[in-house]
């Protein structure tokens, strides 16, 4: 799939982006046109991905923090229409954002993601070369969008250091996925895993390297058994906050829902 990615500034393009985000997230107020126009005029980052002239993806972010050391971009929303995800558009949008930031002297991008959605953590940590050093409990309060309605909004902070060797390697598609089987043969602790009935099973957390497993598809778990999904939210919250309070950060993730935590 060949896509054209460009910044959006004109009202018509921003209106199309607003409709795109509303369609993806199932809520009309995801980001309205007025807000996008204000962000565009103030020099914020808004981009769109076009395939055959149709807008199929978008990404919005703005600058935050205190210059020079605290300056970073907060990446607020990334969306790709269903059916286009496997074409690598999300990755290309993030790389466009990375180049935009580096050209302006911005070396860090931060955003949040649901720690129970393993495919997103994999994308952020392994595909992009970011890390996840902090855990926020119920960050946005109870969710009301069409995807997460009724869920508590625990989030991982994703910190993407743009000018590192890790980010460069990821941009080139050369950052390797962790080998969990090899890691399990070393001295690692399994702090959380999927039990025989799909339930969360907690374990010790004292080794230098920790492994944490989440369900392959938490959305399906929510649909089939909301009680088990709730157990997963609480168990993962306890496992990751406990580890991060002791100085661990997520430094690797696999497609199959394994997270690697290392002491920093």
Protein backbone atom coordinates (compact mmCIF):
# COMPACT_ATOMS: atom_id res chain seq x y z
CA UNK A 1 0.00 0.00 0.00
CA UNK A 2 1.44 3.36 -1.09
CA UNK A 3 0.32 6.33 0.99
CA UNK A 4 0.96 10.05 0.79
CA UNK A 5 1.51 11.57 4.24
CA UNK A 6 1.34 15.32 4.63
CA UNK A 7 0.60 18.01 7.17
CA UNK A 8 -2.99 19.26 7.35
CA UNK A 9 -3.72 22.99 7.64
CA UNK A 10 -6.75 23.79 5.46
CA UNK A 11 -10.23 23.75 6.99
CA UNK A 12 -11.55 21.15 4.55
CA UNK A 13 -8.72 18.74 5.36
CA UNK A 14 -9.11 19.31 9.10
CA UNK A 15 -12.84 18.63 8.85
CA UNK A 16 -12.11 15.36 7.09
CA UNK A 17 -9.63 14.46 9.85
CA UNK A 18 -12.23 15.22 12.54
CA UNK A 19 -14.73 12.91 10.82
CA UNK A 20 -12.04 10.24 10.47
CA UNK A 21 -11.27 10.24 14.21
CA UNK A 22 -14.98 10.25 15.07
CA UNK A 23 -15.51 7.22 12.84
CA UNK A 24 -12.58 5.29 14.29
CA UNK A 25 -13.29 6.04 17.97
CA UNK A 26 -17.09 5.99 17.80
CA UNK A 27 -17.53 9.44 19.36
CA UNK A 28 -18.35 12.73 17.68
CA UNK A 29 -16.18 14.81 20.02
CA UNK A 30 -12.90 12.92 19.52
CA UNK A 31 -11.40 16.14 18.06
CA UNK A 32 -13.70 18.65 16.40
CA UNK A 33 -12.77 20.83 13.44
CA UNK A 34 -12.56 24.03 15.52
CA UNK A 35 -10.02 22.48 17.86
CA UNK A 36 -7.97 21.08 14.99
CA UNK A 37 -7.97 24.50 13.29
CA UNK A 38 -6.76 26.18 16.48
CA UNK A 39 -4.00 23.59 16.83
CA UNK A 40 -2.98 24.03 13.20
CA UNK A 41 -2.82 27.83 13.46
CA UNK A 42 -0.69 27.58 16.61
CA UNK A 43 1.87 25.43 14.79
CA UNK A 44 0.97 22.04 16.23
CA UNK A 45 1.53 18.78 14.39
CA UNK A 46 -1.44 17.45 12.37
CA UNK A 47 -0.88 14.96 9.57
CA UNK A 48 -2.98 12.78 7.33
CA UNK A 49 -2.31 9.63 5.33
CA UNK A 50 -3.96 9.42 1.91
CA UNK A 51 -4.42 6.33 -0.25
CA UNK A 52 -5.75 6.92 -3.78
CA UNK A 53 -6.73 10.42 -2.69
CA UNK A 54 -8.78 9.26 0.32
CA UNK A 55 -7.89 10.15 3.91
CA UNK A 56 -7.43 6.85 5.77
CA UNK A 57 -5.25 7.83 8.74
CA UNK A 58 -4.29 10.78 10.88
CA UNK A 59 -2.02 11.85 13.73
CA UNK A 60 -2.20 14.87 16.04
CA UNK A 61 0.31 16.19 18.57
CA UNK A 62 1.46 19.42 20.20
CA UNK A 63 4.46 20.70 22.13
CA UNK A 64 4.59 20.58 25.91
CA UNK A 65 7.02 20.74 28.80
CA UNK A 66 9.52 23.43 29.70
CA UNK A 67 12.40 24.13 27.27
CA UNK A 68 15.07 23.14 26.86
CA UNK A 69 15.32 19.89 28.85
CA UNK A 70 11.62 19.27 29.37
CA UNK A 71 10.50 20.15 25.86
CA UNK A 72 8.66 17.30 24.16
CA UNK A 73 5.75 16.60 21.88
CA UNK A 74 2.60 15.15 23.37
CA UNK A 75 1.21 12.82 20.71
CA UNK A 76 -2.52 12.89 21.39
CA UNK A 77 -4.28 10.71 18.84
CA UNK A 78 -3.31 8.28 16.06
CA UNK A 79 -6.01 6.61 14.00
CA UNK A 80 -6.13 4.44 10.88
CA UNK A 81 -9.39 3.29 9.30
CA UNK A 82 -10.10 -0.43 9.76
CA UNK A 83 -8.78 -2.42 6.82
CA UNK A 84 -5.70 -0.20 6.40
CA UNK A 85 -3.78 -1.07 9.59
CA UNK A 86 -1.70 -3.86 8.10
CA UNK A 87 -0.32 -1.61 5.40
CA UNK A 88 2.07 -0.02 7.90
CA UNK A 89 0.32 3.36 7.86
CA UNK A 90 0.52 3.79 11.62
CA UNK A 91 4.28 3.22 11.49
CA UNK A 92 4.72 5.63 8.57
CA UNK A 93 2.66 8.31 10.32
CA UNK A 94 4.82 8.01 13.44
CA UNK A 95 8.03 8.19 11.38
CA UNK A 96 6.70 11.33 9.66
CA UNK A 97 6.07 12.77 13.13
CA UNK A 98 9.58 11.79 14.22
CA UNK A 99 11.18 13.57 11.26
CA UNK A 100 9.01 16.65 11.86
CA UNK A 101 10.12 16.83 15.49
CA UNK A 102 13.81 16.27 14.84
CA UNK A 103 13.80 18.98 12.16
CA UNK A 104 12.58 21.39 14.87
CA UNK A 105 14.95 20.27 17.61
CA UNK A 106 12.34 18.25 19.51
CA UNK A 107 13.92 15.00 20.65
CA UNK A 108 11.21 13.37 22.78
CA UNK A 109 7.61 12.38 22.02
CA UNK A 110 5.29 11.08 24.74
CA UNK A 111 1.80 9.59 24.73
CA UNK A 112 -0.21 6.97 26.60
CA UNK A 113 -1.58 3.54 25.73
CA UNK A 114 -3.73 0.88 27.41
CA UNK A 115 -1.35 -1.67 29.01
CA UNK A 116 -3.87 -4.48 28.38
CA UNK A 117 -3.77 -4.00 24.60
CA UNK A 118 -0.64 -5.97 23.83
CA UNK A 119 -0.54 -5.21 20.10
CA UNK A 120 -0.33 -1.47 20.85
CA UNK A 121 2.43 -1.90 23.42
CA UNK A 122 4.33 -4.05 20.90
CA UNK A 123 3.92 -1.36 18.24
CA UNK A 124 5.11 1.41 20.54
CA UNK A 125 8.01 -0.36 22.23
CA UNK A 126 9.32 -2.75 19.58
CA UNK A 127 8.24 -1.28 16.24
CA UNK A 128 9.03 2.32 17.20
CA UNK A 129 11.78 1.78 19.78
CA UNK A 130 10.10 3.63 22.65
CA UNK A 131 9.92 2.55 26.30
CA UNK A 132 7.19 2.54 28.95
CA UNK A 133 8.54 3.86 32.29
CA UNK A 134 5.34 4.88 34.14
CA UNK A 135 1.86 3.52 34.88
CA UNK A 136 -1.16 5.80 35.39
CA UNK A 137 -4.25 4.46 37.17
CA UNK A 138 -7.62 5.42 35.61
CA UNK A 139 -5.89 8.27 33.76
CA UNK A 140 -8.98 9.65 31.93
CA UNK A 141 -11.62 8.31 34.30
CA UNK A 142 -14.29 5.94 32.98
CA UNK A 143 -14.25 5.71 29.18
CA UNK A 144 -17.26 6.55 27.01
CA UNK A 145 -16.12 5.97 23.43
CA UNK A 146 -17.46 3.20 21.23
CA UNK A 147 -14.42 0.97 21.76
CA UNK A 148 -13.81 1.22 25.52
CA UNK A 149 -17.16 2.30 27.02
CA UNK A 150 -17.43 1.49 30.72
CA UNK A 151 -13.74 0.61 31.12
CA UNK A 152 -11.35 2.24 33.57
CA UNK A 153 -8.62 4.05 31.71
CA UNK A 154 -5.33 2.74 33.10
CA UNK A 155 -2.50 3.87 30.84
CA UNK A 156 1.20 3.37 30.27
CA UNK A 157 3.32 6.42 29.58
CA UNK A 158 5.18 5.85 26.32
CA UNK A 159 8.39 7.84 26.00
CA UNK A 160 10.02 7.91 22.55
CA UNK A 161 13.57 9.28 22.54
CA UNK A 162 13.86 10.17 18.88
CA UNK A 163 17.61 10.57 18.38
CA UNK A 164 18.76 7.34 20.01
CA UNK A 165 20.35 4.33 18.32
CA UNK A 166 17.28 2.30 19.35
CA UNK A 167 14.89 4.69 17.57
CA UNK A 168 17.15 4.77 14.50
CA UNK A 169 17.24 0.98 14.39
CA UNK A 170 13.46 0.81 14.73
CA UNK A 171 12.98 3.36 11.94
CA UNK A 172 15.07 1.12 9.69
CA UNK A 173 12.98 -1.92 10.65
CA UNK A 174 15.98 -3.53 12.33
CA UNK A 175 14.94 -3.60 15.99
CA UNK A 176 14.50 -7.24 17.00
CA UNK A 177 11.52 -8.61 18.88
CA UNK A 178 12.49 -10.07 22.28
CA UNK A 179 13.05 -13.84 22.36
CA UNK A 180 10.84 -14.80 25.31
CA UNK A 181 11.77 -18.50 25.25
CA UNK A 182 15.44 -17.60 25.50
CA UNK A 183 14.76 -15.07 28.26
CA UNK A 184 12.76 -17.64 30.24
CA UNK A 185 15.77 -19.95 30.22
CA UNK A 186 17.75 -17.26 32.03
CA UNK A 187 17.18 -15.91 35.53
CA UNK A 188 13.94 -14.02 34.98
CA UNK A 189 10.78 -13.77 37.07
CA UNK A 190 7.34 -14.25 35.52
CA UNK A 191 5.30 -11.59 37.30
CA UNK A 192 2.02 -12.25 35.44
CA UNK A 193 0.86 -14.92 33.00
CA UNK A 194 -2.29 -16.33 31.39
CA UNK A 195 -3.69 -19.28 33.35
CA UNK A 196 -5.34 -22.42 32.01
CA UNK A 197 -8.80 -20.81 32.07
CA UNK A 198 -7.60 -17.47 30.73
CA UNK A 199 -7.27 -15.94 34.19
CA UNK A 200 -4.31 -13.83 35.37
CA UNK A 201 -1.70 -15.69 37.44
CA UNK A 202 0.71 -13.58 39.50
CA UNK A 203 4.31 -14.54 40.28
CA UNK A 204 7.46 -13.20 41.98
CA UNK A 205 9.20 -10.01 40.92
CA UNK A 206 12.80 -9.82 42.14
CA UNK A 207 15.08 -10.73 39.19
CA UNK A 208 16.88 -8.08 37.14
CA UNK A 209 14.67 -8.95 34.15
CA UNK A 210 10.94 -9.54 34.55
CA UNK A 211 8.44 -11.03 32.10
CA UNK A 212 4.76 -10.12 32.02
CA UNK A 213 2.08 -11.71 29.81
CA UNK A 214 -1.28 -10.21 28.83
CA UNK A 215 -4.18 -11.84 26.91
CA UNK A 216 -3.77 -12.06 23.15
CA UNK A 217 -7.02 -10.12 22.64
CA UNK A 218 -8.42 -8.28 25.67
CA UNK A 219 -11.35 -6.99 23.59
CA UNK A 220 -12.48 -10.58 23.04
CA UNK A 221 -12.01 -11.34 26.74
CA UNK A 222 -14.23 -8.35 27.61
CA UNK A 223 -16.91 -9.61 25.23
CA UNK A 224 -16.89 -13.19 26.50
CA UNK A 225 -16.29 -12.68 30.22
CA UNK A 226 -16.27 -9.11 31.63
CA UNK A 227 -15.46 -10.47 35.08
CA UNK A 228 -12.18 -12.01 33.88
CA UNK A 229 -11.38 -8.83 31.95
CA UNK A 230 -11.82 -6.87 35.18
CA UNK A 231 -9.53 -9.34 36.98
CA UNK A 232 -6.91 -8.69 34.31
CA UNK A 233 -7.14 -4.92 34.78
CA UNK A 234 -6.55 -5.20 38.51
CA UNK A 235 -3.84 -7.89 38.27
CA UNK A 236 -1.87 -6.03 35.60
CA UNK A 237 -2.22 -2.76 37.51
CA UNK A 238 -0.77 -4.40 40.63
CA UNK A 239 2.05 -6.18 38.76
CA UNK A 240 3.25 -3.22 36.71
CA UNK A 241 2.88 -0.48 39.31
CA UNK A 242 4.71 -2.66 41.82
CA UNK A 243 7.57 -3.27 39.38
CA UNK A 244 7.81 0.35 38.26
CA UNK A 245 7.87 1.62 41.82
CA UNK A 246 11.02 -0.48 42.22
CA UNK A 247 12.66 1.06 39.16
CA UNK A 248 11.66 -1.26 36.32
CA UNK A 249 10.53 -0.08 32.88
CA UNK A 250 9.06 -1.95 29.91
CA UNK A 251 11.87 -2.11 27.37
CA UNK A 252 10.58 -4.83 25.05
CA UNK A 253 7.32 -6.37 23.88
CA UNK A 254 6.29 -9.19 21.55
CA UNK A 255 3.44 -9.61 19.07
CA UNK A 256 2.04 -12.38 21.28
CA UNK A 257 1.54 -10.27 24.41
CA UNK A 258 4.79 -10.61 26.39
CA UNK A 259 6.42 -7.58 28.01
CA UNK A 260 10.05 -7.43 29.09
CA UNK A 261 10.83 -5.22 32.09
CA UNK A 262 14.36 -4.28 33.07
CA UNK A 263 15.69 -2.51 36.14
CA UNK A 264 16.82 0.98 35.18
